[in-house]
Amino acid sequence: MSYREYNGLMNNTKWQEIRISMDNYPGTVLWRIKNIDNGLLSNWNSEWFNHFQLREYNKIQWLEIKVTSEEMKNEIIHILRKIHVPGEVLDDSIKVYGYIKNGFIDYI
């Protein structure tokens, strides 16, 4: 795997802002990440304060946040827009990209 094939989009500050915001969200928010080094996909996790903080932010190819209702989806989109992160809104989740291979990804 060569990082030269990828464009980096995030920094530690942005990942920390997401971590703090999701930890402060009033409901349970599940997340998983894909590691850019080895392609491994983590299990779904709901512990943002310690577990997400333990991840090496520079290894996150993408973060997927599971949403269980339209209300939750709209609230999390609002939070992520304030942080201004690159990503996409899917049917039952939201992806935030740390790296993309080629092309363009819009901001949420």
PDB file of N, CA and C in Angstrom:
ATOM      1  N   MET A   1       0.843  -1.168   0.000  1.00  0.00           N
ATOM      2  CA  MET A   1       0.000   0.000   0.000  1.00  0.00           C
ATOM      3  C   MET A   1       0.888   1.231   0.000  1.00  0.00           C
ATOM      4  N   SER A   2       0.623   2.118  -0.896  1.00  0.00           N
ATOM      5  CA  SER A   2       1.402   3.340  -0.981  1.00  0.00           C
ATOM      6  C   SER A   2       0.514   4.543  -0.700  1.00  0.00           C
ATOM      7  N   TYR A   3       0.918   5.335   0.280  1.00  0.00           N
ATOM      8  CA  TYR A   3       0.157   6.539   0.608  1.00  0.00           C
ATOM      9  C   TYR A   3       0.159   7.536  -0.554  1.00  0.00           C
ATOM     10  N   ARG A   4       1.124   7.406  -1.452  1.00  0.00           N
ATOM     11  CA  ARG A   4       1.187   8.337  -2.589  1.00  0.00           C
ATOM     12  C   ARG A   4      -0.039   8.225  -3.479  1.00  0.00           C
ATOM     13  N   GLU A   5      -0.711   7.098  -3.411  1.00  0.00           N
ATOM     14  CA  GLU A   5      -1.921   6.898  -4.211  1.00  0.00           C
ATOM     15  C   GLU A   5      -3.113   7.628  -3.606  1.00  0.00           C
ATOM     16  N   TYR A   6      -2.993   8.102  -2.380  1.00  0.00           N
ATOM     17  CA  TYR A   6      -4.113   8.682  -1.649  1.00  0.00           C
ATOM     18  C   TYR A   6      -3.883  10.154  -1.335  1.00  0.00           C
ATOM     19  N   ASN A   7      -4.974  10.870  -1.272  1.00  0.00           N
ATOM     20  CA  ASN A   7      -4.938  12.255  -0.832  1.00  0.00           C
ATOM     21  C   ASN A   7      -5.448  12.319   0.604  1.00  0.00           C
ATOM     22  N   GLY A   8      -4.666  12.887   1.510  1.00  0.00           N
ATOM     23  CA  GLY A   8      -5.078  13.050   2.901  1.00  0.00           C
ATOM     24  C   GLY A   8      -6.036  14.221   3.032  1.00  0.00           C
ATOM     25  N   LEU A   9      -7.120  14.017   3.777  1.00  0.00           N
ATOM     26  CA  LEU A   9      -8.165  15.032   3.879  1.00  0.00           C
ATOM     27  C   LEU A   9      -8.389  15.544   5.301  1.00  0.00           C
ATOM     28  N   MET A  10      -7.970  14.791   6.293  1.00  0.00           N
ATOM     29  CA  MET A  10      -8.273  15.137   7.687  1.00  0.00           C
ATOM     30  C   MET A  10      -6.990  15.359   8.470  1.00  0.00           C
ATOM     31  N   ASN A  11      -7.156  15.945   9.664  1.00  0.00           N
ATOM     32  CA  ASN A  11      -6.034  16.095  10.584  1.00  0.00           C
ATOM     33  C   ASN A  11      -6.500  15.700  11.982  1.00  0.00           C
ATOM     34  N   ASN A  12      -5.566  15.609  12.916  1.00  0.00           N
ATOM     35  CA  ASN A  12      -5.901  15.177  14.277  1.00  0.00           C
ATOM     36  C   ASN A  12      -6.942  16.075  14.933  1.00  0.00           C
ATOM     37  N   THR A  13      -6.885  17.358  14.665  1.00  0.00           N
ATOM     38  CA  THR A  13      -7.841  18.283  15.277  1.00  0.00           C
ATOM     39  C   THR A  13      -9.266  17.959  14.846  1.00  0.00           C
ATOM     40  N   LYS A  14      -9.467  17.707  13.565  1.00  0.00           N
ATOM     41  CA  LYS A  14     -10.804  17.367  13.056  1.00  0.00           C
ATOM     42  C   LYS A  14     -11.293  16.049  13.654  1.00  0.00           C
ATOM     43  N   TRP A  15     -10.419  15.043  13.728  1.00  0.00           N
ATOM     44  CA  TRP A  15     -10.824  13.756  14.325  1.00  0.00           C
ATOM     45  C   TRP A  15     -11.200  13.953  15.792  1.00  0.00           C
ATOM     46  N   GLN A  16     -10.435  14.774  16.502  1.00  0.00           N
ATOM     47  CA  GLN A  16     -10.745  15.041  17.911  1.00  0.00           C
ATOM     48  C   GLN A  16     -12.090  15.755  18.052  1.00  0.00           C
ATOM     49  N   GLU A  17     -12.377  16.687  17.162  1.00  0.00           N
ATOM     50  CA  GLU A  17     -13.659  17.385  17.206  1.00  0.00           C
ATOM     51  C   GLU A  17     -14.814  16.408  17.001  1.00  0.00           C
ATOM     52  N   ILE A  18     -14.645  15.475  16.090  1.00  0.00           N
ATOM     53  CA  ILE A  18     -15.678  14.451  15.883  1.00  0.00           C
ATOM     54  C   ILE A  18     -15.824  13.607  17.137  1.00  0.00           C
ATOM     55  N   ARG A  19     -14.694  13.147  17.687  1.00  0.00           N
ATOM     56  CA  ARG A  19     -14.724  12.295  18.878  1.00  0.00           C
ATOM     57  C   ARG A  19     -15.462  12.981  20.023  1.00  0.00           C
ATOM     58  N   ILE A  20     -15.137  14.220  20.291  1.00  0.00           N
ATOM     59  CA  ILE A  20     -15.753  14.946  21.399  1.00  0.00           C
ATOM     60  C   ILE A  20     -17.244  15.165  21.133  1.00  0.00           C
ATOM     61  N   SER A  21     -17.583  15.547  19.917  1.00  0.00           N
ATOM     62  CA  SER A  21     -18.992  15.786  19.571  1.00  0.00           C
ATOM     63  C   SER A  21     -19.827  14.521  19.688  1.00  0.00           C
ATOM     64  N   MET A  22     -19.306  13.408  19.215  1.00  0.00           N
ATOM     65  CA  MET A  22     -20.061  12.151  19.273  1.00  0.00           C
ATOM     66  C   MET A  22     -20.137  11.622  20.700  1.00  0.00           C
ATOM     67  N   ASP A  23     -19.082  11.851  21.476  1.00  0.00           N
ATOM     68  CA  ASP A  23     -19.112  11.452  22.887  1.00  0.00           C
ATOM     69  C   ASP A  23     -20.158  12.258  23.662  1.00  0.00           C
ATOM     70  N   ASN A  24     -20.378  13.499  23.264  1.00  0.00           N
ATOM     71  CA  ASN A  24     -21.355  14.363  23.923  1.00  0.00           C
ATOM     72  C   ASN A  24     -22.773  14.220  23.368  1.00  0.00           C
ATOM     73  N   TYR A  25     -22.933  13.479  22.291  1.00  0.00           N
ATOM     74  CA  TYR A  25     -24.259  13.288  21.705  1.00  0.00           C
ATOM     75  C   TYR A  25     -25.138  12.563  22.731  1.00  0.00           C
ATOM     76  N   PRO A  26     -26.403  12.962  22.860  1.00  0.00           N
ATOM     77  CA  PRO A  26     -27.249  12.399  23.923  1.00  0.00           C
ATOM     78  C   PRO A  26     -27.616  10.923  23.758  1.00  0.00           C
ATOM     79  N   GLY A  27     -27.480  10.369  22.576  1.00  0.00           N
ATOM     80  CA  GLY A  27     -27.803   8.955  22.371  1.00  0.00           C
ATOM     81  C   GLY A  27     -26.555   8.147  22.072  1.00  0.00           C
ATOM     82  N   THR A  28     -26.754   6.858  21.868  1.00  0.00           N
ATOM     83  CA  THR A  28     -25.659   5.969  21.507  1.00  0.00           C
ATOM     84  C   THR A  28     -25.362   6.099  20.018  1.00  0.00           C
ATOM     85  N   VAL A  29     -24.099   6.321  19.692  1.00  0.00           N
ATOM     86  CA  VAL A  29     -23.680   6.467  18.302  1.00  0.00           C
ATOM     87  C   VAL A  29     -22.639   5.393  18.002  1.00  0.00           C
ATOM     88  N   LEU A  30     -22.978   4.484  17.110  1.00  0.00           N
ATOM     89  CA  LEU A  30     -22.049   3.424  16.711  1.00  0.00           C
ATOM     90  C   LEU A  30     -21.127   3.918  15.603  1.00  0.00           C
ATOM     91  N   TRP A  31     -19.892   3.450  15.635  1.00  0.00           N
ATOM     92  CA  TRP A  31     -18.914   3.820  14.627  1.00  0.00           C
ATOM     93  C   TRP A  31     -18.018   2.625  14.315  1.00  0.00           C
ATOM     94  N   ARG A  32     -17.406   2.685  13.139  1.00  0.00           N
ATOM     95  CA  ARG A  32     -16.344   1.751  12.768  1.00  0.00           C
ATOM     96  C   ARG A  32     -15.412   2.472  11.803  1.00  0.00           C
ATOM     97  N   ILE A  33     -14.199   1.984  11.709  1.00  0.00           N
ATOM     98  CA  ILE A  33     -13.217   2.605  10.823  1.00  0.00           C
ATOM     99  C   ILE A  33     -12.576   1.562   9.921  1.00  0.00           C
ATOM    100  N   LYS A  34     -12.059   2.053   8.805  1.00  0.00           N
ATOM    101  CA  LYS A  34     -11.238   1.228   7.925  1.00  0.00           C
ATOM    102  C   LYS A  34      -9.817   1.764   8.013  1.00  0.00           C
ATOM    103  N   ASN A  35      -8.885   0.858   8.277  1.00  0.00           N
ATOM    104  CA  ASN A  35      -7.474   1.193   8.425  1.00  0.00           C
ATOM    105  C   ASN A  35      -6.827   1.259   7.045  1.00  0.00           C
ATOM    106  N   ILE A  36      -6.171   2.367   6.746  1.00  0.00           N
ATOM    107  CA  ILE A  36      -5.554   2.534   5.431  1.00  0.00           C
ATOM    108  C   ILE A  36      -4.308   1.671   5.258  1.00  0.00           C
ATOM    109  N   ASP A  37      -3.623   1.320   6.337  1.00  0.00           N
ATOM    110  CA  ASP A  37      -2.409   0.510   6.236  1.00  0.00           C
ATOM    111  C   ASP A  37      -2.694  -0.925   5.820  1.00  0.00           C
ATOM    112  N   ASN A  38      -3.691  -1.532   6.463  1.00  0.00           N
ATOM    113  CA  ASN A  38      -3.909  -2.965   6.238  1.00  0.00           C
ATOM    114  C   ASN A  38      -5.302  -3.298   5.708  1.00  0.00           C
ATOM    115  N   GLY A  39      -6.143  -2.297   5.524  1.00  0.00           N
ATOM    116  CA  GLY A  39      -7.473  -2.525   4.978  1.00  0.00           C
ATOM    117  C   GLY A  39      -8.471  -3.133   5.945  1.00  0.00           C
ATOM    118  N   LEU A  40      -8.061  -3.311   7.207  1.00  0.00           N
ATOM    119  CA  LEU A  40      -8.960  -3.924   8.178  1.00  0.00           C
ATOM    120  C   LEU A  40     -10.106  -2.993   8.534  1.00  0.00           C
ATOM    121  N   LEU A  41     -11.269  -3.591   8.679  1.00  0.00           N
ATOM    122  CA  LEU A  41     -12.472  -2.883   9.085  1.00  0.00           C
ATOM    123  C   LEU A  41     -12.747  -3.246  10.534  1.00  0.00           C
ATOM    124  N   SER A  42     -12.842  -2.244  11.386  1.00  0.00           N
ATOM    125  CA  SER A  42     -13.078  -2.515  12.805  1.00  0.00           C
ATOM    126  C   SER A  42     -14.509  -2.988  13.021  1.00  0.00           C
ATOM    127  N   ASN A  43     -14.752  -3.576  14.176  1.00  0.00           N
ATOM    128  CA  ASN A  43     -16.116  -3.905  14.575  1.00  0.00           C
ATOM    129  C   ASN A  43     -16.833  -2.611  14.944  1.00  0.00           C
ATOM    130  N   TRP A  44     -18.158  -2.663  14.918  1.00  0.00           N
ATOM    131  CA  TRP A  44     -18.934  -1.515  15.380  1.00  0.00           C
ATOM    132  C   TRP A  44     -18.648  -1.296  16.859  1.00  0.00           C
ATOM    133  N   ASN A  45     -18.541  -0.037  17.251  1.00  0.00           N
ATOM    134  CA  ASN A  45     -18.203   0.320  18.615  1.00  0.00           C
ATOM    135  C   ASN A  45     -19.019   1.554  18.989  1.00  0.00           C
ATOM    136  N   SER A  46     -19.345   1.713  20.239  1.00  0.00           N
ATOM    137  CA  SER A  46     -20.086   2.897  20.666  1.00  0.00           C
ATOM    138  C   SER A  46     -19.305   3.737  21.674  1.00  0.00           C
ATOM    139  N   GLU A  47     -18.093   3.352  21.960  1.00  0.00           N
ATOM    140  CA  GLU A  47     -17.290   4.036  22.977  1.00  0.00           C
ATOM    141  C   GLU A  47     -16.361   5.042  22.279  1.00  0.00           C
ATOM    142  N   TRP A  48     -16.734   6.297  22.335  1.00  0.00           N
ATOM    143  CA  TRP A  48     -15.986   7.342  21.647  1.00  0.00           C
ATOM    144  C   TRP A  48     -14.841   7.901  22.477  1.00  0.00           C
ATOM    145  N   PHE A  49     -15.022   8.042  23.778  1.00  0.00           N
ATOM    146  CA  PHE A  49     -14.046   8.774  24.574  1.00  0.00           C
ATOM    147  C   PHE A  49     -12.698   8.058  24.633  1.00  0.00           C
ATOM    148  N   ASN A  50     -12.698   6.773  24.947  1.00  0.00           N
ATOM    149  CA  ASN A  50     -11.437   6.043  25.056  1.00  0.00           C
ATOM    150  C   ASN A  50     -11.082   5.276  23.794  1.00  0.00           C
ATOM    151  N   HIS A  51     -12.010   4.492  23.263  1.00  0.00           N
ATOM    152  CA  HIS A  51     -11.681   3.612  22.140  1.00  0.00           C
ATOM    153  C   HIS A  51     -11.342   4.375  20.870  1.00  0.00           C
ATOM    154  N   PHE A  52     -12.153   5.376  20.540  1.00  0.00           N
ATOM    155  CA  PHE A  52     -11.841   6.144  19.330  1.00  0.00           C
ATOM    156  C   PHE A  52     -10.560   6.938  19.518  1.00  0.00           C
ATOM    157  N   GLN A  53     -10.321   7.400  20.701  1.00  0.00           N
ATOM    158  CA  GLN A  53      -9.110   8.165  21.005  1.00  0.00           C
ATOM    159  C   GLN A  53      -7.865   7.292  20.880  1.00  0.00           C
ATOM    160  N   LEU A  54      -7.996   5.999  21.111  1.00  0.00           N
ATOM    161  CA  LEU A  54      -6.849   5.096  21.035  1.00  0.00           C
ATOM    162  C   LEU A  54      -6.408   4.826  19.600  1.00  0.00           C
ATOM    163  N   ARG A  55      -7.287   5.077  18.669  1.00  0.00           N
ATOM    164  CA  ARG A  55      -6.951   4.837  17.260  1.00  0.00           C
ATOM    165  C   ARG A  55      -5.897   5.842  16.815  1.00  0.00           C
ATOM    166  N   GLU A  56      -5.082   5.389  15.883  1.00  0.00           N
ATOM    167  CA  GLU A  56      -4.117   6.302  15.289  1.00  0.00           C
ATOM    168  C   GLU A  56      -4.838   7.037  14.171  1.00  0.00           C
ATOM    169  N   TYR A  57      -5.112   8.299  14.387  1.00  0.00           N
ATOM    170  CA  TYR A  57      -5.920   9.058  13.444  1.00  0.00           C
ATOM    171  C   TYR A  57      -5.349   9.041  12.032  1.00  0.00           C
ATOM    172  N   ASN A  58      -4.024   9.063  11.898  1.00  0.00           N
ATOM    173  CA  ASN A  58      -3.435   9.095  10.568  1.00  0.00           C
ATOM    174  C   ASN A  58      -3.586   7.778   9.808  1.00  0.00           C
ATOM    175  N   LYS A  59      -4.168   6.781  10.441  1.00  0.00           N
ATOM    176  CA  LYS A  59      -4.395   5.481   9.791  1.00  0.00           C
ATOM    177  C   LYS A  59      -5.855   5.289   9.372  1.00  0.00           C
ATOM    178  N   ILE A  60      -6.707   6.272   9.638  1.00  0.00           N
ATOM    179  CA  ILE A  60      -8.135   6.122   9.342  1.00  0.00           C
ATOM    180  C   ILE A  60      -8.408   6.501   7.894  1.00  0.00           C
ATOM    181  N   GLN A  61      -8.695   5.492   7.077  1.00  0.00           N
ATOM    182  CA  GLN A  61      -9.087   5.758   5.698  1.00  0.00           C
ATOM    183  C   GLN A  61     -10.479   6.385   5.675  1.00  0.00           C
ATOM    184  N   TRP A  62     -11.393   5.794   6.456  1.00  0.00           N
ATOM    185  CA  TRP A  62     -12.710   6.400   6.643  1.00  0.00           C
ATOM    186  C   TRP A  62     -13.321   5.955   7.959  1.00  0.00           C
ATOM    187  N   LEU A  63     -14.213   6.798   8.433  1.00  0.00           N
ATOM    188  CA  LEU A  63     -14.996   6.553   9.633  1.00  0.00           C
ATOM    189  C   LEU A  63     -16.442   6.450   9.191  1.00  0.00           C
ATOM    190  N   GLU A  64     -17.128   5.408   9.618  1.00  0.00           N
ATOM    191  CA  GLU A  64     -18.545   5.259   9.318  1.00  0.00           C
ATOM    192  C   GLU A  64     -19.335   5.391  10.613  1.00  0.00           C
ATOM    193  N   ILE A  65     -20.320   6.258  10.593  1.00  0.00           N
ATOM    194  CA  ILE A  65     -21.181   6.498  11.749  1.00  0.00           C
ATOM    195  C   ILE A  65     -22.564   5.975  11.408  1.00  0.00           C
ATOM    196  N   LYS A  66     -23.055   5.043  12.212  1.00  0.00           N
ATOM    197  CA  LYS A  66     -24.368   4.436  11.971  1.00  0.00           C
ATOM    198  C   LYS A  66     -25.461   5.355  12.506  1.00  0.00           C
ATOM    199  N   VAL A  67     -26.504   5.549  11.695  1.00  0.00           N
ATOM    200  CA  VAL A  67     -27.651   6.348  12.121  1.00  0.00           C
ATOM    201  C   VAL A  67     -28.891   5.457  12.107  1.00  0.00           C
ATOM    202  N   THR A  68     -29.723   5.596  13.134  1.00  0.00           N
ATOM    203  CA  THR A  68     -30.863   4.693  13.299  1.00  0.00           C
ATOM    204  C   THR A  68     -32.209   5.355  13.052  1.00  0.00           C
ATOM    205  N   SER A  69     -32.205   6.665  12.768  1.00  0.00           N
ATOM    206  CA  SER A  69     -33.453   7.360  12.465  1.00  0.00           C
ATOM    207  C   SER A  69     -33.124   8.599  11.633  1.00  0.00           C
ATOM    208  N   GLU A  70     -34.136   9.147  10.991  1.00  0.00           N
ATOM    209  CA  GLU A  70     -33.940  10.388  10.232  1.00  0.00           C
ATOM    210  C   GLU A  70     -33.557  11.536  11.158  1.00  0.00           C
ATOM    211  N   GLU A  71     -34.145  11.550  12.338  1.00  0.00           N
ATOM    212  CA  GLU A  71     -33.827  12.602  13.304  1.00  0.00           C
ATOM    213  C   GLU A  71     -32.347  12.542  13.698  1.00  0.00           C
ATOM    214  N   MET A  72     -31.876  11.342  14.015  1.00  0.00           N
ATOM    215  CA  MET A  72     -30.467  11.170  14.381  1.00  0.00           C
ATOM    216  C   MET A  72     -29.567  11.549  13.204  1.00  0.00           C
ATOM    217  N   LYS A  73     -29.923  11.106  12.008  1.00  0.00           N
ATOM    218  CA  LYS A  73     -29.132  11.416  10.820  1.00  0.00           C
ATOM    219  C   LYS A  73     -29.012  12.931  10.654  1.00  0.00           C
ATOM    220  N   ASN A  74     -30.125  13.653  10.765  1.00  0.00           N
ATOM    221  CA  ASN A  74     -30.101  15.102  10.597  1.00  0.00           C
ATOM    222  C   ASN A  74     -29.279  15.791  11.683  1.00  0.00           C
ATOM    223  N   GLU A  75     -29.362  15.297  12.904  1.00  0.00           N
ATOM    224  CA  GLU A  75     -28.584  15.886  14.001  1.00  0.00           C
ATOM    225  C   GLU A  75     -27.084  15.679  13.795  1.00  0.00           C
ATOM    226  N   ILE A  76     -26.700  14.486  13.370  1.00  0.00           N
ATOM    227  CA  ILE A  76     -25.276  14.198  13.166  1.00  0.00           C
ATOM    228  C   ILE A  76     -24.747  14.942  11.945  1.00  0.00           C
ATOM    229  N   ILE A  77     -25.552  15.045  10.897  1.00  0.00           N
ATOM    230  CA  ILE A  77     -25.150  15.849   9.740  1.00  0.00           C
ATOM    231  C   ILE A  77     -24.901  17.291  10.182  1.00  0.00           C
ATOM    232  N   HIS A  78     -25.777  17.830  10.997  1.00  0.00           N
ATOM    233  CA  HIS A  78     -25.620  19.203  11.497  1.00  0.00           C
ATOM    234  C   HIS A  78     -24.302  19.343  12.270  1.00  0.00           C
ATOM    235  N   ILE A  79     -23.998  18.384  13.123  1.00  0.00           N
ATOM    236  CA  ILE A  79     -22.746  18.403  13.899  1.00  0.00           C
ATOM    237  C   ILE A  79     -21.540  18.355  12.966  1.00  0.00           C
ATOM    238  N   LEU A  80     -21.558  17.440  12.001  1.00  0.00           N
ATOM    239  CA  LEU A  80     -20.416  17.269  11.100  1.00  0.00           C
ATOM    240  C   LEU A  80     -20.237  18.465  10.166  1.00  0.00           C
ATOM    241  N   ARG A  81     -21.325  19.104   9.806  1.00  0.00           N
ATOM    242  CA  ARG A  81     -21.219  20.314   8.967  1.00  0.00           C
ATOM    243  C   ARG A  81     -20.525  21.435   9.736  1.00  0.00           C
ATOM    244  N   LYS A  82     -20.796  21.534  11.021  1.00  0.00           N
ATOM    245  CA  LYS A  82     -20.127  22.558  11.832  1.00  0.00           C
ATOM    246  C   LYS A  82     -18.629  22.298  11.912  1.00  0.00           C
ATOM    247  N   ILE A  83     -18.245  21.031  11.939  1.00  0.00           N
ATOM    248  CA  ILE A  83     -16.823  20.672  11.988  1.00  0.00           C
ATOM    249  C   ILE A  83     -16.192  20.823  10.604  1.00  0.00           C
ATOM    250  N   HIS A  84     -17.008  20.717   9.556  1.00  0.00           N
ATOM    251  CA  HIS A  84     -16.586  20.843   8.158  1.00  0.00           C
ATOM    252  C   HIS A  84     -15.636  19.709   7.758  1.00  0.00           C
ATOM    253  N   VAL A  85     -16.244  18.540   7.536  1.00  0.00           N
ATOM    254  CA  VAL A  85     -15.463  17.352   7.199  1.00  0.00           C
ATOM    255  C   VAL A  85     -15.875  16.793   5.843  1.00  0.00           C
ATOM    256  N   PRO A  86     -14.936  16.131   5.155  1.00  0.00           N
ATOM    257  CA  PRO A  86     -15.253  15.509   3.877  1.00  0.00           C
ATOM    258  C   PRO A  86     -15.982  14.186   4.098  1.00  0.00           C
ATOM    259  N   GLY A  87     -17.041  13.970   3.350  1.00  0.00           N
ATOM    260  CA  GLY A  87     -17.758  12.718   3.534  1.00  0.00           C
ATOM    261  C   GLY A  87     -18.981  12.608   2.665  1.00  0.00           C
ATOM    262  N   GLU A  88     -19.774  11.603   2.982  1.00  0.00           N
ATOM    263  CA  GLU A  88     -21.010  11.372   2.248  1.00  0.00           C
ATOM    264  C   GLU A  88     -22.059  10.799   3.179  1.00  0.00           C
ATOM    265  N   VAL A  89     -23.309  11.108   2.861  1.00  0.00           N
ATOM    266  CA  VAL A  89     -24.439  10.610   3.624  1.00  0.00           C
ATOM    267  C   VAL A  89     -25.034   9.443   2.870  1.00  0.00           C
ATOM    268  N   LEU A  90     -25.099   8.288   3.542  1.00  0.00           N
ATOM    269  CA  LEU A  90     -25.669   7.074   2.965  1.00  0.00           C
ATOM    270  C   LEU A  90     -27.030   6.827   3.595  1.00  0.00           C
ATOM    271  N   ASP A  91     -27.698   5.741   3.226  1.00  0.00           N
ATOM    272  CA  ASP A  91     -29.036   5.469   3.757  1.00  0.00           C
ATOM    273  C   ASP A  91     -29.058   5.350   5.272  1.00  0.00           C
ATOM    274  N   ASP A  92     -28.189   4.496   5.821  1.00  0.00           N
ATOM    275  CA  ASP A  92     -28.216   4.261   7.266  1.00  0.00           C
ATOM    276  C   ASP A  92     -26.888   4.567   7.954  1.00  0.00           C
ATOM    277  N   SER A  93     -26.069   5.367   7.298  1.00  0.00           N
ATOM    278  CA  SER A  93     -24.795   5.757   7.901  1.00  0.00           C
ATOM    279  C   SER A  93     -24.258   7.013   7.223  1.00  0.00           C
ATOM    280  N   ILE A  94     -23.217   7.540   7.848  1.00  0.00           N
ATOM    281  CA  ILE A  94     -22.507   8.699   7.317  1.00  0.00           C
ATOM    282  C   ILE A  94     -21.028   8.347   7.331  1.00  0.00           C
ATOM    283  N   LYS A  95     -20.343   8.566   6.211  1.00  0.00           N
ATOM    284  CA  LYS A  95     -18.907   8.285   6.141  1.00  0.00           C
ATOM    285  C   LYS A  95     -18.134   9.586   6.102  1.00  0.00           C
ATOM    286  N   VAL A  96     -17.092   9.615   6.925  1.00  0.00           N
ATOM    287  CA  VAL A  96     -16.144  10.723   6.936  1.00  0.00           C
ATOM    288  C   VAL A  96     -14.826  10.153   6.417  1.00  0.00           C
ATOM    289  N   TYR A  97     -14.254  10.807   5.424  1.00  0.00           N
ATOM    290  CA  TYR A  97     -13.055  10.289   4.783  1.00  0.00           C
ATOM    291  C   TYR A  97     -11.792  10.958   5.294  1.00  0.00           C
ATOM    292  N   GLY A  98     -10.837  10.118   5.698  1.00  0.00           N
ATOM    293  CA  GLY A  98      -9.512  10.593   6.051  1.00  0.00           C
ATOM    294  C   GLY A  98      -8.608  10.625   4.834  1.00  0.00           C
ATOM    295  N   TYR A  99      -8.862   9.708   3.901  1.00  0.00           N
ATOM    296  CA  TYR A  99      -8.099   9.610   2.651  1.00  0.00           C
ATOM    297  C   TYR A  99      -9.035   9.192   1.530  1.00  0.00           C
ATOM    298  N   ILE A 100      -8.762   9.690   0.333  1.00  0.00           N
ATOM    299  CA  ILE A 100      -9.412   9.159  -0.866  1.00  0.00           C
ATOM    300  C   ILE A 100      -8.326   8.847  -1.886  1.00  0.00           C
ATOM    301  N   LYS A 101      -8.590   7.856  -2.713  1.00  0.00           N
ATOM    302  CA  LYS A 101      -7.575   7.406  -3.660  1.00  0.00           C
ATOM    303  C   LYS A 101      -7.385   8.414  -4.789  1.00  0.00           C
ATOM    304  N   ASN A 102      -8.376   8.686  -5.523  1.00  0.00           N
ATOM    305  CA  ASN A 102      -8.318   9.667  -6.596  1.00  0.00           C
ATOM    306  C   ASN A 102      -9.666  10.349  -6.670  1.00  0.00           C
ATOM    307  N   GLY A 103      -9.709  11.458  -7.319  1.00  0.00           N
ATOM    308  CA  GLY A 103     -10.992  12.100  -7.510  1.00  0.00           C
ATOM    309  C   GLY A 103     -11.297  13.132  -6.444  1.00  0.00           C
ATOM    310  N   PHE A 104     -12.573  13.293  -6.206  1.00  0.00           N
ATOM    311  CA  PHE A 104     -13.054  14.375  -5.358  1.00  0.00           C
ATOM    312  C   PHE A 104     -14.137  13.858  -4.446  1.00  0.00           C
ATOM    313  N   ILE A 105     -14.148  14.316  -3.224  1.00  0.00           N
ATOM    314  CA  ILE A 105     -15.237  14.022  -2.288  1.00  0.00           C
ATOM    315  C   ILE A 105     -15.706  15.355  -1.739  1.00  0.00           C
ATOM    316  N   ASP A 106     -16.999  15.521  -1.660  1.00  0.00           N
ATOM    317  CA  ASP A 106     -17.574  16.769  -1.170  1.00  0.00           C
ATOM    318  C   ASP A 106     -17.551  16.797   0.357  1.00  0.00           C
ATOM    319  N   TYR A 107     -17.781  17.950   0.908  1.00  0.00           N
ATOM    320  CA  TYR A 107     -17.904  18.088   2.359  1.00  0.00           C
ATOM    321  C   TYR A 107     -19.348  17.875   2.746  1.00  0.00           C
ATOM    322  N   ILE A 108     -19.552  17.343   3.927  1.00  0.00           N
ATOM    323  CA  ILE A 108     -20.904  17.075   4.418  1.00  0.00           C
ATOM    324  C   ILE A 108     -21.591  18.405   4.669  1.00  0.00           C
TER     325      ILE A 108
END
